[in-house]
Amino acid sequence: MSILNEAGQKELAIQLQAMLLGDNAQLKDALNKLSGQVDFSLEGLNKLAAASGQNEDIPEAVKQALELTTNQYGVVLVLKEPAMKYVQGGGTISASVLGGISAAVTSIPVVGLGLAGLLALLAAILGTYTGWMTLADKGKGVYVTVTWVQIGLAVLFPLAATTILLPVVGSIE
C-alpha cells in the first residue's frame, strides 16, 4: 500500500534527491540503482525477509561486533571494528544475521511492518551506504541511525524510499 501513484512517487523521489543531494551524481546513481533492486513496500520487504537465508557463513567475531537497538526515535545499528572491516572487505550482513542480534527490538511503531521486514530494510541500507560508513569510520566502527518517521515514509512511498532512508552515520569514539 502506498499513498501516491507511481508517477507521484517518482516525482517525490526526484524532488527529495534535489533537496538533499544537490549535484552529487554518484550518490543519486547509487540510490536509483537500489530503488530498482529493492521493493520497499510492506509486501516487498516481507518477501525479501522471507527469502533471506537462515544459515549465514559469517565469522562469529563479526556477529559479536553488531548491536541493534530501538528507542522512541528509531533504530540504531552499531558496527564495531570487526564488523566494519568485514563489510569494507566486501562481506554482506543480511536480514537473517541481523535477526540473530535483534533481541533488543521490542516494538516497531510502523503499522504492518514486522521485525523481519525491518531487518530486511536495514540490510538493504547497509548494502547501500557502505561508502558513507567507511568515510565515517575512524577505526573503531560506526553507528547507523534511521528514524521511525523515515521508515514509515519509506513504506508509504516505496519508490522514494532510498532517498527518504538516508541514515545518520557516525563514528564510534
C-alpha atoms as a PDB file:
ATOM      1  CA  MET A   1       0.000   0.000   0.000  1.00  0.00           C
ATOM      2  CA  SER A   2       1.294   3.427  -0.887  1.00  0.00           C
ATOM      3  CA  ILE A   3      -0.266   6.869  -0.776  1.00  0.00           C
ATOM      4  CA  LEU A   4       0.864   8.201  -4.167  1.00  0.00           C
ATOM      5  CA  ASN A   5       0.634   6.513  -7.546  1.00  0.00           C
ATOM      6  CA  GLU A   6       3.869   5.519  -9.286  1.00  0.00           C
ATOM      7  CA  ALA A   7       4.289   8.838 -11.140  1.00  0.00           C
ATOM      8  CA  GLY A   8       3.705  10.804  -7.935  1.00  0.00           C
ATOM      9  CA  GLN A   9       6.249   8.726  -6.047  1.00  0.00           C
ATOM     10  CA  LYS A  10       8.868   9.144  -8.764  1.00  0.00           C
ATOM     11  CA  GLU A  11       8.348  12.908  -8.735  1.00  0.00           C
ATOM     12  CA  LEU A  12       8.666  12.900  -4.924  1.00  0.00           C
ATOM     13  CA  ALA A  13      11.936  10.941  -5.203  1.00  0.00           C
ATOM     14  CA  ILE A  14      13.309  13.484  -7.733  1.00  0.00           C
ATOM     15  CA  GLN A  15      12.342  16.431  -5.522  1.00  0.00           C
ATOM     16  CA  LEU A  16      13.820  14.843  -2.385  1.00  0.00           C
ATOM     17  CA  GLN A  17      17.049  13.992  -4.192  1.00  0.00           C
ATOM     18  CA  ALA A  18      17.354  17.558  -5.473  1.00  0.00           C
ATOM     19  CA  MET A  19      16.814  18.963  -1.973  1.00  0.00           C
ATOM     20  CA  LEU A  20      19.020  16.521  -0.077  1.00  0.00           C
ATOM     21  CA  LEU A  21      21.763  15.613  -2.524  1.00  0.00           C
ATOM     22  CA  GLY A  22      22.241  18.642  -4.749  1.00  0.00           C
ATOM     23  CA  ASP A  23      24.602  17.733  -7.580  1.00  0.00           C
ATOM     24  CA  ASN A  24      26.039  14.516  -6.105  1.00  0.00           C
ATOM     25  CA  ALA A  25      25.505  12.390  -9.228  1.00  0.00           C
ATOM     26  CA  GLN A  26      27.371   9.368  -7.840  1.00  0.00           C
ATOM     27  CA  LEU A  27      25.085   9.066  -4.805  1.00  0.00           C
ATOM     28  CA  LYS A  28      21.989   9.696  -6.929  1.00  0.00           C
ATOM     29  CA  ASP A  29      23.021   6.861  -9.262  1.00  0.00           C
ATOM     30  CA  ALA A  30      23.580   4.519  -6.308  1.00  0.00           C
ATOM     31  CA  LEU A  31      20.174   5.373  -4.846  1.00  0.00           C
ATOM     32  CA  ASN A  32      18.417   4.920  -8.184  1.00  0.00           C
ATOM     33  CA  LYS A  33      20.115   1.549  -8.663  1.00  0.00           C
ATOM     34  CA  LEU A  34      18.945   0.397  -5.237  1.00  0.00           C
ATOM     35  CA  SER A  35      15.432   1.665  -5.960  1.00  0.00           C
ATOM     36  CA  GLY A  36      15.346  -0.694  -8.924  1.00  0.00           C
ATOM     37  CA  GLN A  37      16.569  -3.648  -6.836  1.00  0.00           C
ATOM     38  CA  VAL A  38      14.590  -3.428  -3.593  1.00  0.00           C
ATOM     39  CA  ASP A  39      10.828  -3.090  -3.225  1.00  0.00           C
ATOM     40  CA  PHE A  40      10.400  -1.050  -0.034  1.00  0.00           C
ATOM     41  CA  SER A  41       6.642  -1.582   0.175  1.00  0.00           C
ATOM     42  CA  LEU A  42       5.389  -3.690   3.102  1.00  0.00           C
ATOM     43  CA  GLU A  43       4.775  -6.605   0.770  1.00  0.00           C
ATOM     44  CA  GLY A  44       8.211  -6.265  -0.825  1.00  0.00           C
ATOM     45  CA  LEU A  45      10.059  -6.061   2.485  1.00  0.00           C
ATOM     46  CA  ASN A  46       8.212  -9.078   3.847  1.00  0.00           C
ATOM     47  CA  LYS A  47       9.069 -11.071   0.694  1.00  0.00           C
ATOM     48  CA  LEU A  48      12.708 -10.013   0.944  1.00  0.00           C
ATOM     49  CA  ALA A  49      12.815 -11.071   4.596  1.00  0.00           C
ATOM     50  CA  ALA A  50      11.247 -14.449   3.800  1.00  0.00           C
ATOM     51  CA  ALA A  51      13.793 -15.069   1.046  1.00  0.00           C
ATOM     52  CA  SER A  52      16.769 -14.291   3.285  1.00  0.00           C
ATOM     53  CA  GLY A  53      18.781 -17.408   4.054  1.00  0.00           C
ATOM     54  CA  GLN A  54      18.853 -18.699   7.604  1.00  0.00           C
ATOM     55  CA  ASN A  55      22.315 -20.257   7.545  1.00  0.00           C
ATOM     56  CA  GLU A  56      24.808 -17.482   7.037  1.00  0.00           C
ATOM     57  CA  ASP A  57      28.512 -18.222   6.890  1.00  0.00           C
ATOM     58  CA  ILE A  58      29.701 -15.143   8.746  1.00  0.00           C
ATOM     59  CA  PRO A  59      32.519 -15.093  11.295  1.00  0.00           C
ATOM     60  CA  GLU A  60      31.439 -15.196  14.932  1.00  0.00           C
ATOM     61  CA  ALA A  61      33.621 -12.152  15.681  1.00  0.00           C
ATOM     62  CA  VAL A  62      31.543 -10.164  13.186  1.00  0.00           C
ATOM     63  CA  LYS A  63      28.281 -11.276  14.796  1.00  0.00           C
ATOM     64  CA  GLN A  64      29.641 -10.273  18.199  1.00  0.00           C
ATOM     65  CA  ALA A  65      30.576  -6.843  16.797  1.00  0.00           C
ATOM     66  CA  LEU A  66      26.976  -5.964  15.864  1.00  0.00           C
ATOM     67  CA  GLU A  67      24.386  -4.326  18.121  1.00  0.00           C
ATOM     68  CA  LEU A  68      20.821  -3.476  17.182  1.00  0.00           C
ATOM     69  CA  THR A  69      18.613  -1.369  19.420  1.00  0.00           C
ATOM     70  CA  THR A  70      15.462   0.662  19.118  1.00  0.00           C
ATOM     71  CA  ASN A  71      14.211   3.657  21.027  1.00  0.00           C
ATOM     72  CA  GLN A  72      11.341   6.109  20.725  1.00  0.00           C
ATOM     73  CA  TYR A  73      13.094   7.850  17.818  1.00  0.00           C
ATOM     74  CA  GLY A  74      14.101   4.919  15.648  1.00  0.00           C
ATOM     75  CA  VAL A  75      16.611   2.141  15.095  1.00  0.00           C
ATOM     76  CA  VAL A  76      20.320   2.235  15.867  1.00  0.00           C
ATOM     77  CA  LEU A  77      22.667  -0.350  14.402  1.00  0.00           C
ATOM     78  CA  VAL A  78      26.223  -0.354  15.753  1.00  0.00           C
ATOM     79  CA  LEU A  79      29.006  -1.973  13.737  1.00  0.00           C
ATOM     80  CA  LYS A  80      32.163  -2.246  15.811  1.00  0.00           C
ATOM     81  CA  GLU A  81      35.578  -2.578  14.183  1.00  0.00           C
ATOM     82  CA  PRO A  82      35.426  -6.304  13.187  1.00  0.00           C
ATOM     83  CA  ALA A  83      32.022  -5.831  11.545  1.00  0.00           C
ATOM     84  CA  MET A  84      33.172  -2.706   9.690  1.00  0.00           C
ATOM     85  CA  LYS A  85      36.265  -4.485   8.373  1.00  0.00           C
ATOM     86  CA  TYR A  86      34.061  -7.362   7.220  1.00  0.00           C
ATOM     87  CA  VAL A  87      31.695  -5.008   5.349  1.00  0.00           C
ATOM     88  CA  GLN A  88      34.553  -2.951   3.906  1.00  0.00           C
ATOM     89  CA  GLY A  89      36.134  -6.185   2.670  1.00  0.00           C
ATOM     90  CA  GLY A  90      33.045  -6.977   0.610  1.00  0.00           C
ATOM     91  CA  GLY A  91      31.101  -9.045   3.159  1.00  0.00           C
ATOM     92  CA  THR A  92      27.370  -8.576   3.458  1.00  0.00           C
ATOM     93  CA  ILE A  93      25.241  -8.523   6.569  1.00  0.00           C
ATOM     94  CA  SER A  94      21.850  -9.971   5.720  1.00  0.00           C
ATOM     95  CA  ALA A  95      18.470  -9.757   7.396  1.00  0.00           C
ATOM     96  CA  SER A  96      18.939 -13.231   8.879  1.00  0.00           C
ATOM     97  CA  VAL A  97      22.244 -12.204  10.502  1.00  0.00           C
ATOM     98  CA  LEU A  98      20.538  -9.113  11.944  1.00  0.00           C
ATOM     99  CA  GLY A  99      17.772 -11.398  13.197  1.00  0.00           C
ATOM    100  CA  GLY A 100      20.302 -13.095  15.443  1.00  0.00           C
ATOM    101  CA  ILE A 101      21.033  -9.832  17.247  1.00  0.00           C
ATOM    102  CA  SER A 102      17.509  -8.398  17.358  1.00  0.00           C
ATOM    103  CA  ALA A 103      16.552  -9.380  20.922  1.00  0.00           C
ATOM    104  CA  ALA A 104      16.513  -5.696  21.961  1.00  0.00           C
ATOM    105  CA  VAL A 105      13.863  -4.862  19.347  1.00  0.00           C
ATOM    106  CA  THR A 106      10.651  -4.957  21.362  1.00  0.00           C
ATOM    107  CA  SER A 107       8.237  -2.893  19.301  1.00  0.00           C
ATOM    108  CA  ILE A 108       8.036  -1.410  15.833  1.00  0.00           C
ATOM    109  CA  PRO A 109       5.685   1.588  15.631  1.00  0.00           C
ATOM    110  CA  VAL A 110       5.177   1.319  11.865  1.00  0.00           C
ATOM    111  CA  VAL A 111       1.807  -0.292  11.171  1.00  0.00           C
ATOM    112  CA  GLY A 112       2.122  -3.528   9.234  1.00  0.00           C
ATOM    113  CA  LEU A 113       5.914  -3.730   9.399  1.00  0.00           C
ATOM    114  CA  GLY A 114       7.147  -6.736  11.316  1.00  0.00           C
ATOM    115  CA  LEU A 115      10.597  -7.470  12.644  1.00  0.00           C
ATOM    116  CA  ALA A 116      11.564  -9.457   9.539  1.00  0.00           C
ATOM    117  CA  GLY A 117      10.589  -6.559   7.259  1.00  0.00           C
ATOM    118  CA  LEU A 118      12.527  -4.087   9.402  1.00  0.00           C
ATOM    119  CA  LEU A 119      15.618  -6.308   9.293  1.00  0.00           C
ATOM    120  CA  ALA A 120      15.356  -6.625   5.501  1.00  0.00           C
ATOM    121  CA  LEU A 121      15.164  -2.841   5.267  1.00  0.00           C
ATOM    122  CA  LEU A 122      18.255  -2.431   7.492  1.00  0.00           C
ATOM    123  CA  ALA A 123      20.201  -4.984   5.445  1.00  0.00           C
ATOM    124  CA  ALA A 124      19.366  -3.024   2.272  1.00  0.00           C
ATOM    125  CA  ILE A 125      20.526   0.206   3.929  1.00  0.00           C
ATOM    126  CA  LEU A 126      23.821  -1.426   4.972  1.00  0.00           C
ATOM    127  CA  GLY A 127      24.425  -2.649   1.452  1.00  0.00           C
ATOM    128  CA  THR A 128      23.796   0.796   0.003  1.00  0.00           C
ATOM    129  CA  TYR A 129      25.630   3.086   2.397  1.00  0.00           C
ATOM    130  CA  THR A 130      28.868   1.149   2.914  1.00  0.00           C
ATOM    131  CA  GLY A 131      30.783   4.045   1.359  1.00  0.00           C
ATOM    132  CA  TRP A 132      29.349   6.524   3.858  1.00  0.00           C
ATOM    133  CA  MET A 133      30.078   4.157   6.710  1.00  0.00           C
ATOM    134  CA  THR A 134      33.677   3.802   5.514  1.00  0.00           C
ATOM    135  CA  LEU A 135      34.090   7.587   5.397  1.00  0.00           C
ATOM    136  CA  ALA A 136      32.715   7.960   8.930  1.00  0.00           C
ATOM    137  CA  ASP A 137      34.778   5.114  10.413  1.00  0.00           C
ATOM    138  CA  LYS A 138      37.813   6.224  12.405  1.00  0.00           C
ATOM    139  CA  GLY A 139      38.995   2.717  13.248  1.00  0.00           C
ATOM    140  CA  LYS A 140      36.518   1.815  15.995  1.00  0.00           C
ATOM    141  CA  GLY A 141      33.371   1.277  13.939  1.00  0.00           C
ATOM    142  CA  VAL A 142      30.213   3.248  13.220  1.00  0.00           C
ATOM    143  CA  TYR A 143      26.593   3.602  14.207  1.00  0.00           C
ATOM    144  CA  VAL A 144      23.770   3.852  11.671  1.00  0.00           C
ATOM    145  CA  THR A 145      20.530   5.518  12.772  1.00  0.00           C
ATOM    146  CA  VAL A 146      17.220   5.575  10.919  1.00  0.00           C
ATOM    147  CA  THR A 147      14.148   7.222  12.454  1.00  0.00           C
ATOM    148  CA  TRP A 148      10.689   5.690  12.669  1.00  0.00           C
ATOM    149  CA  VAL A 149       9.404   8.628  10.611  1.00  0.00           C
ATOM    150  CA  GLN A 150      11.849   7.765   7.819  1.00  0.00           C
ATOM    151  CA  ILE A 151      10.858   4.094   7.948  1.00  0.00           C
ATOM    152  CA  GLY A 152       7.136   4.906   7.927  1.00  0.00           C
ATOM    153  CA  LEU A 153       7.526   7.307   4.992  1.00  0.00           C
ATOM    154  CA  ALA A 154       9.640   4.778   3.088  1.00  0.00           C
ATOM    155  CA  VAL A 155       6.871   2.186   3.428  1.00  0.00           C
ATOM    156  CA  LEU A 156       4.235   4.719   2.317  1.00  0.00           C
ATOM    157  CA  PHE A 157       6.352   5.953  -0.613  1.00  0.00           C
ATOM    158  CA  PRO A 158       8.414   2.902  -1.644  1.00  0.00           C
ATOM    159  CA  LEU A 159       9.699   4.415  -4.893  1.00  0.00           C
ATOM    160  CA  ALA A 160      11.221   7.303  -2.950  1.00  0.00           C
ATOM    161  CA  ALA A 161      12.437   5.075  -0.109  1.00  0.00           C
ATOM    162  CA  THR A 162      16.149   5.167  -0.860  1.00  0.00           C
ATOM    163  CA  THR A 163      16.170   8.954  -0.637  1.00  0.00           C
ATOM    164  CA  ILE A 164      13.906   9.053   2.421  1.00  0.00           C
ATOM    165  CA  LEU A 165      16.080   6.471   4.184  1.00  0.00           C
ATOM    166  CA  LEU A 166      19.337   8.444   4.110  1.00  0.00           C
ATOM    167  CA  PRO A 167      20.668   7.340   7.511  1.00  0.00           C
ATOM    168  CA  VAL A 168      22.659   9.250  10.069  1.00  0.00           C
ATOM    169  CA  VAL A 169      26.079   7.594  10.137  1.00  0.00           C
ATOM    170  CA  GLY A 170      28.595   8.469  12.835  1.00  0.00           C
ATOM    171  CA  SER A 171      31.900   7.249  14.140  1.00  0.00           C
ATOM    172  CA  ILE A 172      32.254   5.396  17.428  1.00  0.00           C
ATOM    173  CA  GLU A 173      34.637   7.424  19.545  1.00  0.00           C
END
